Amino acid sequence: MDLQDLLDAMNAGQTITGDSPLHEVMHLASQRAQRITGELNGGYHEPARVRELLSELIGDPVDETVTLFPPFTSDFGQNITLGKRIFLNSGCRFQDQGGITIGDDCLVGHNVVIATLNHDLAPSHRADMHPAPVVIGRNVWIGANATILPGVTIGEDAVVGAASVVTKDVPAGAIVVGSPARFVRSVPR
């Protein structure tokens, strides 16, 4: 088993059992992510160097219009897709095994957590992981300290209020707040 086998399985929503060869591959990939984010977070870097390290982490070029303020952590790193003109503020934590896609023109606030894995509820299978992607549409603003849970899609132009916990899809142009996040109104046009 290799990284591509793991990515194929996770992107297909396949359960990764705790004692499987795929689980072992995931742990090896996590060590790589820790090394890269350790360098990223270990001191000041010019913006171009930050993008270079982020590109190395995700395995694809990051557009020169992307801005990341470290610290930033990702416990996998290789299932993140970033658009253009994205701003990731300091303290963001991405658990991206299940896949994270962020569209163009998004703002992601301080300490935002995006999670794409759930552990199995049964104690005898608690080490098993169930991946589900998070998709963030174009021009979304996610406020500080928000948490986006596995399987959530956030529609374009939506706003997620600070400290919200997003447990279900957010329609385009919606403003959601709270824990769990709930619709409060539409974005003004």
C-alpha atoms as a PDB file:
ATOM      1  CA  MET A   1       0.000   0.000   0.000  1.00  0.00           C
ATOM      2  CA  ASP A   2       1.177   3.498  -0.818  1.00  0.00           C
ATOM      3  CA  LEU A   3      -0.002   7.090  -0.545  1.00  0.00           C
ATOM      4  CA  GLN A   4      -2.075   6.934  -3.742  1.00  0.00           C
ATOM      5  CA  ASP A   5      -3.888   3.823  -2.458  1.00  0.00           C
ATOM      6  CA  LEU A   6      -4.665   5.705   0.749  1.00  0.00           C
ATOM      7  CA  LEU A   7      -5.868   8.828  -1.084  1.00  0.00           C
ATOM      8  CA  ASP A   8      -8.049   6.719  -3.385  1.00  0.00           C
ATOM      9  CA  ALA A   9      -9.607   4.915  -0.413  1.00  0.00           C
ATOM     10  CA  MET A  10     -10.227   8.088   1.587  1.00  0.00           C
ATOM     11  CA  ASN A  11     -11.599  10.027  -1.375  1.00  0.00           C
ATOM     12  CA  ALA A  12     -13.999   7.133  -1.997  1.00  0.00           C
ATOM     13  CA  GLY A  13     -15.184   7.427   1.626  1.00  0.00           C
ATOM     14  CA  GLN A  14     -13.769   4.034   2.560  1.00  0.00           C
ATOM     15  CA  THR A  15     -13.324   3.288   6.268  1.00  0.00           C
ATOM     16  CA  ILE A  16      -9.663   3.081   7.224  1.00  0.00           C
ATOM     17  CA  THR A  17      -9.417   0.377   9.867  1.00  0.00           C
ATOM     18  CA  GLY A  18      -7.056   0.964  12.752  1.00  0.00           C
ATOM     19  CA  ASP A  19      -4.930  -2.108  12.106  1.00  0.00           C
ATOM     20  CA  SER A  20      -4.711  -1.848   8.312  1.00  0.00           C
ATOM     21  CA  PRO A  21      -1.777  -1.169   5.997  1.00  0.00           C
ATOM     22  CA  LEU A  22      -3.603   2.008   4.900  1.00  0.00           C
ATOM     23  CA  HIS A  23      -3.621   3.225   8.505  1.00  0.00           C
ATOM     24  CA  GLU A  24       0.138   2.695   8.611  1.00  0.00           C
ATOM     25  CA  VAL A  25       0.574   4.712   5.392  1.00  0.00           C
ATOM     26  CA  MET A  26      -1.517   7.487   6.952  1.00  0.00           C
ATOM     27  CA  HIS A  27       0.780   7.610   9.979  1.00  0.00           C
ATOM     28  CA  LEU A  28       3.868   7.821   7.759  1.00  0.00           C
ATOM     29  CA  ALA A  29       2.287  10.700   5.837  1.00  0.00           C
ATOM     30  CA  SER A  30       1.543  12.414   9.144  1.00  0.00           C
ATOM     31  CA  GLN A  31       5.234  12.355  10.040  1.00  0.00           C
ATOM     32  CA  ARG A  32       5.986  14.144   6.763  1.00  0.00           C
ATOM     33  CA  ALA A  33       3.311  16.755   7.528  1.00  0.00           C
ATOM     34  CA  GLN A  34       4.732  17.309  11.016  1.00  0.00           C
ATOM     35  CA  ARG A  35       8.201  17.879   9.567  1.00  0.00           C
ATOM     36  CA  ILE A  36       6.985  20.454   7.031  1.00  0.00           C
ATOM     37  CA  THR A  37       4.660  22.298   9.431  1.00  0.00           C
ATOM     38  CA  GLY A  38       7.432  22.254  12.038  1.00  0.00           C
ATOM     39  CA  GLU A  39       9.653  24.146   9.621  1.00  0.00           C
ATOM     40  CA  LEU A  40       6.796  26.454   8.624  1.00  0.00           C
ATOM     41  CA  ASN A  41       6.024  27.306  12.245  1.00  0.00           C
ATOM     42  CA  GLY A  42       9.602  27.369  13.524  1.00  0.00           C
ATOM     43  CA  GLY A  43      10.342  31.010  12.800  1.00  0.00           C
ATOM     44  CA  TYR A  44       9.653  33.913  10.488  1.00  0.00           C
ATOM     45  CA  HIS A  45       9.523  33.279   6.727  1.00  0.00           C
ATOM     46  CA  GLU A  46       8.901  35.700   3.878  1.00  0.00           C
ATOM     47  CA  PRO A  47       5.475  35.179   2.246  1.00  0.00           C
ATOM     48  CA  ALA A  48       6.985  33.458  -0.804  1.00  0.00           C
ATOM     49  CA  ARG A  49       8.754  30.927   1.459  1.00  0.00           C
ATOM     50  CA  VAL A  50       5.508  30.317   3.373  1.00  0.00           C
ATOM     51  CA  ARG A  51       3.818  29.470   0.041  1.00  0.00           C
ATOM     52  CA  GLU A  52       6.738  27.198  -0.899  1.00  0.00           C
ATOM     53  CA  LEU A  53       6.359  25.249   2.339  1.00  0.00           C
ATOM     54  CA  LEU A  54       2.582  25.109   1.939  1.00  0.00           C
ATOM     55  CA  SER A  55       3.086  23.835  -1.635  1.00  0.00           C
ATOM     56  CA  GLU A  56       5.449  21.166  -0.350  1.00  0.00           C
ATOM     57  CA  LEU A  57       2.902  20.160   2.287  1.00  0.00           C
ATOM     58  CA  ILE A  58      -0.047  19.792  -0.082  1.00  0.00           C
ATOM     59  CA  GLY A  59       1.972  18.435  -2.998  1.00  0.00           C
ATOM     60  CA  ASP A  60       0.704  21.040  -5.478  1.00  0.00           C
ATOM     61  CA  PRO A  61       1.707  24.593  -6.337  1.00  0.00           C
ATOM     62  CA  VAL A  62       0.006  27.253  -4.228  1.00  0.00           C
ATOM     63  CA  ASP A  63      -1.039  30.350  -6.143  1.00  0.00           C
ATOM     64  CA  GLU A  64       0.983  33.494  -5.398  1.00  0.00           C
ATOM     65  CA  THR A  65      -2.247  35.196  -4.280  1.00  0.00           C
ATOM     66  CA  VAL A  66      -2.662  32.821  -1.317  1.00  0.00           C
ATOM     67  CA  THR A  67      -1.669  34.243   2.071  1.00  0.00           C
ATOM     68  CA  LEU A  68      -1.042  32.130   5.151  1.00  0.00           C
ATOM     69  CA  PHE A  69      -0.147  33.551   8.555  1.00  0.00           C
ATOM     70  CA  PRO A  70       1.532  30.809  10.608  1.00  0.00           C
ATOM     71  CA  PRO A  71       1.264  28.911  12.798  1.00  0.00           C
ATOM     72  CA  PHE A  72      -0.619  26.379  10.706  1.00  0.00           C
ATOM     73  CA  THR A  73      -0.970  22.672  11.290  1.00  0.00           C
ATOM     74  CA  SER A  74      -2.134  19.811   9.158  1.00  0.00           C
ATOM     75  CA  ASP A  75      -1.886  16.229  10.316  1.00  0.00           C
ATOM     76  CA  PHE A  76      -1.787  14.879   6.739  1.00  0.00           C
ATOM     77  CA  GLY A  77      -1.347  17.714   4.256  1.00  0.00           C
ATOM     78  CA  GLN A  78      -1.769  15.866   1.003  1.00  0.00           C
ATOM     79  CA  ASN A  79      -5.522  16.144   0.501  1.00  0.00           C
ATOM     80  CA  ILE A  80      -5.911  19.941   0.458  1.00  0.00           C
ATOM     81  CA  THR A  81      -6.948  21.915  -2.631  1.00  0.00           C
ATOM     82  CA  LEU A  82      -6.624  25.700  -2.500  1.00  0.00           C
ATOM     83  CA  GLY A  83      -8.012  28.250  -4.924  1.00  0.00           C
ATOM     84  CA  LYS A  84      -6.751  31.785  -5.491  1.00  0.00           C
ATOM     85  CA  ARG A  85      -6.840  34.878  -3.256  1.00  0.00           C
ATOM     86  CA  ILE A  86      -7.308  32.850  -0.078  1.00  0.00           C
ATOM     87  CA  PHE A  87      -6.330  34.208   3.322  1.00  0.00           C
ATOM     88  CA  LEU A  88      -5.642  31.683   6.103  1.00  0.00           C
ATOM     89  CA  ASN A  89      -5.148  33.463   9.410  1.00  0.00           C
ATOM     90  CA  SER A  90      -2.891  32.208  12.191  1.00  0.00           C
ATOM     91  CA  GLY A  91      -3.625  29.117  14.210  1.00  0.00           C
ATOM     92  CA  CYS A  92      -5.643  27.163  11.632  1.00  0.00           C
ATOM     93  CA  ARG A  93      -5.704  23.378  12.044  1.00  0.00           C
ATOM     94  CA  PHE A  94      -6.611  21.169   9.105  1.00  0.00           C
ATOM     95  CA  GLN A  95      -7.322  17.453   9.484  1.00  0.00           C
ATOM     96  CA  ASP A  96      -7.426  16.861   5.753  1.00  0.00           C
ATOM     97  CA  GLN A  97      -7.289  13.088   5.274  1.00  0.00           C
ATOM     98  CA  GLY A  98     -10.867  13.102   3.943  1.00  0.00           C
ATOM     99  CA  GLY A  99     -10.173  16.073   1.670  1.00  0.00           C
ATOM    100  CA  ILE A 100     -10.438  19.845   2.096  1.00  0.00           C
ATOM    101  CA  THR A 101     -11.254  22.096  -0.851  1.00  0.00           C
ATOM    102  CA  ILE A 102     -11.255  25.872  -0.401  1.00  0.00           C
ATOM    103  CA  GLY A 103     -12.520  27.986  -3.294  1.00  0.00           C
ATOM    104  CA  ASP A 104     -11.260  31.313  -4.563  1.00  0.00           C
ATOM    105  CA  ASP A 105     -11.534  34.499  -2.483  1.00  0.00           C
ATOM    106  CA  CYS A 106     -12.074  32.831   0.913  1.00  0.00           C
ATOM    107  CA  LEU A 107     -11.175  34.255   4.313  1.00  0.00           C
ATOM    108  CA  VAL A 108     -10.440  31.743   7.086  1.00  0.00           C
ATOM    109  CA  GLY A 109     -10.147  33.282  10.548  1.00  0.00           C
ATOM    110  CA  HIS A 110      -7.826  32.657  13.481  1.00  0.00           C
ATOM    111  CA  ASN A 111      -7.811  29.163  14.972  1.00  0.00           C
ATOM    112  CA  VAL A 112     -10.311  27.641  12.544  1.00  0.00           C
ATOM    113  CA  VAL A 113     -10.451  23.845  12.704  1.00  0.00           C
ATOM    114  CA  ILE A 114     -11.481  21.851   9.645  1.00  0.00           C
ATOM    115  CA  ALA A 115     -11.929  18.139  10.382  1.00  0.00           C
ATOM    116  CA  THR A 116     -12.520  15.415   7.796  1.00  0.00           C
ATOM    117  CA  LEU A 117     -12.334  12.234   9.901  1.00  0.00           C
ATOM    118  CA  ASN A 118     -14.652  10.631  12.404  1.00  0.00           C
ATOM    119  CA  HIS A 119     -13.687   7.678  14.574  1.00  0.00           C
ATOM    120  CA  ASP A 120     -16.053   4.748  14.779  1.00  0.00           C
ATOM    121  CA  LEU A 121     -18.554   4.961  17.630  1.00  0.00           C
ATOM    122  CA  ALA A 122     -18.250   1.297  18.601  1.00  0.00           C
ATOM    123  CA  PRO A 123     -15.534   0.963  21.267  1.00  0.00           C
ATOM    124  CA  SER A 124     -14.232  -2.217  19.630  1.00  0.00           C
ATOM    125  CA  HIS A 125     -13.660  -0.269  16.386  1.00  0.00           C
ATOM    126  CA  ARG A 126     -12.771   3.161  17.787  1.00  0.00           C
ATOM    127  CA  ALA A 127      -9.424   3.200  15.934  1.00  0.00           C
ATOM    128  CA  ASP A 128     -11.274   2.924  12.604  1.00  0.00           C
ATOM    129  CA  MET A 129     -11.661   6.205  10.741  1.00  0.00           C
ATOM    130  CA  HIS A 130     -14.426   7.356   8.442  1.00  0.00           C
ATOM    131  CA  PRO A 131     -13.322  10.102   6.016  1.00  0.00           C
ATOM    132  CA  ALA A 132     -15.694  12.713   4.598  1.00  0.00           C
ATOM    133  CA  PRO A 133     -14.626  15.786   2.614  1.00  0.00           C
ATOM    134  CA  VAL A 134     -15.154  19.421   3.505  1.00  0.00           C
ATOM    135  CA  VAL A 135     -15.855  21.693   0.547  1.00  0.00           C
ATOM    136  CA  ILE A 136     -15.802  25.464   0.990  1.00  0.00           C
ATOM    137  CA  GLY A 137     -17.202  27.423  -1.933  1.00  0.00           C
ATOM    138  CA  ARG A 138     -15.980  30.659  -3.451  1.00  0.00           C
ATOM    139  CA  ASN A 139     -15.955  33.883  -1.409  1.00  0.00           C
ATOM    140  CA  VAL A 140     -16.724  32.282   1.966  1.00  0.00           C
ATOM    141  CA  TRP A 141     -15.765  33.963   5.245  1.00  0.00           C
ATOM    142  CA  ILE A 142     -15.195  31.667   8.222  1.00  0.00           C
ATOM    143  CA  GLY A 143     -14.882  33.543  11.513  1.00  0.00           C
ATOM    144  CA  ALA A 144     -12.261  32.943  14.202  1.00  0.00           C
ATOM    145  CA  ASN A 145     -12.406  29.758  16.265  1.00  0.00           C
ATOM    146  CA  ALA A 146     -15.038  28.111  14.054  1.00  0.00           C
ATOM    147  CA  THR A 147     -15.013  24.333  13.633  1.00  0.00           C
ATOM    148  CA  ILE A 148     -16.126  22.688  10.389  1.00  0.00           C
ATOM    149  CA  LEU A 149     -16.982  18.995  10.786  1.00  0.00           C
ATOM    150  CA  PRO A 150     -16.546  16.117   8.297  1.00  0.00           C
ATOM    151  CA  GLY A 151     -18.781  15.985   5.253  1.00  0.00           C
ATOM    152  CA  VAL A 152     -19.835  19.651   5.323  1.00  0.00           C
ATOM    153  CA  THR A 153     -20.188  21.781   2.201  1.00  0.00           C
ATOM    154  CA  ILE A 154     -20.318  25.554   2.604  1.00  0.00           C
ATOM    155  CA  GLY A 155     -21.911  27.358  -0.343  1.00  0.00           C
ATOM    156  CA  GLU A 156     -20.397  30.374  -2.057  1.00  0.00           C
ATOM    157  CA  ASP A 157     -20.645  33.781  -0.417  1.00  0.00           C
ATOM    158  CA  ALA A 158     -21.663  32.233   2.936  1.00  0.00           C
ATOM    159  CA  VAL A 159     -20.466  33.494   6.319  1.00  0.00           C
ATOM    160  CA  VAL A 160     -19.737  31.274   9.314  1.00  0.00           C
ATOM    161  CA  GLY A 161     -19.792  33.268  12.547  1.00  0.00           C
ATOM    162  CA  ALA A 162     -16.909  33.172  15.001  1.00  0.00           C
ATOM    163  CA  ALA A 163     -16.829  30.150  17.344  1.00  0.00           C
ATOM    164  CA  SER A 164     -19.540  28.351  15.362  1.00  0.00           C
ATOM    165  CA  VAL A 165     -19.560  24.571  15.031  1.00  0.00           C
ATOM    166  CA  VAL A 166     -20.738  23.648  11.549  1.00  0.00           C
ATOM    167  CA  THR A 167     -22.327  20.183  11.581  1.00  0.00           C
ATOM    168  CA  LYS A 168     -24.311  20.314   8.331  1.00  0.00           C
ATOM    169  CA  ASP A 169     -24.186  21.965   4.921  1.00  0.00           C
ATOM    170  CA  VAL A 170     -24.473  25.739   4.687  1.00  0.00           C
ATOM    171  CA  PRO A 171     -26.421  27.127   1.696  1.00  0.00           C
ATOM    172  CA  ALA A 172     -24.882  29.703  -0.618  1.00  0.00           C
ATOM    173  CA  GLY A 173     -25.259  33.223   0.723  1.00  0.00           C
ATOM    174  CA  ALA A 174     -26.260  32.108   4.225  1.00  0.00           C
ATOM    175  CA  ILE A 175     -24.979  33.484   7.523  1.00  0.00           C
ATOM    176  CA  VAL A 176     -24.762  30.791  10.197  1.00  0.00           C
ATOM    177  CA  VAL A 177     -23.795  31.120  13.861  1.00  0.00           C
ATOM    178  CA  GLY A 178     -23.715  29.059  17.029  1.00  0.00           C
ATOM    179  CA  SER A 179     -23.097  25.519  18.169  1.00  0.00           C
ATOM    180  CA  PRO A 180     -24.440  23.807  16.243  1.00  0.00           C
ATOM    181  CA  ALA A 181     -24.402  26.496  13.577  1.00  0.00           C
ATOM    182  CA  ARG A 182     -27.842  27.626  12.483  1.00  0.00           C
ATOM    183  CA  PHE A 183     -29.076  29.957   9.764  1.00  0.00           C
ATOM    184  CA  VAL A 184     -29.734  33.513  10.980  1.00  0.00           C
ATOM    185  CA  ARG A 185     -30.100  35.460   7.743  1.00  0.00           C
ATOM    186  CA  SER A 186     -28.794  35.858   4.229  1.00  0.00           C
ATOM    187  CA  VAL A 187     -25.736  37.854   3.209  1.00  0.00           C
ATOM    188  CA  PRO A 188     -26.746  41.347   2.021  1.00  0.00           C
ATOM    189  CA  ARG A 189     -26.473  41.839  -1.726  1.00  0.00           C
END
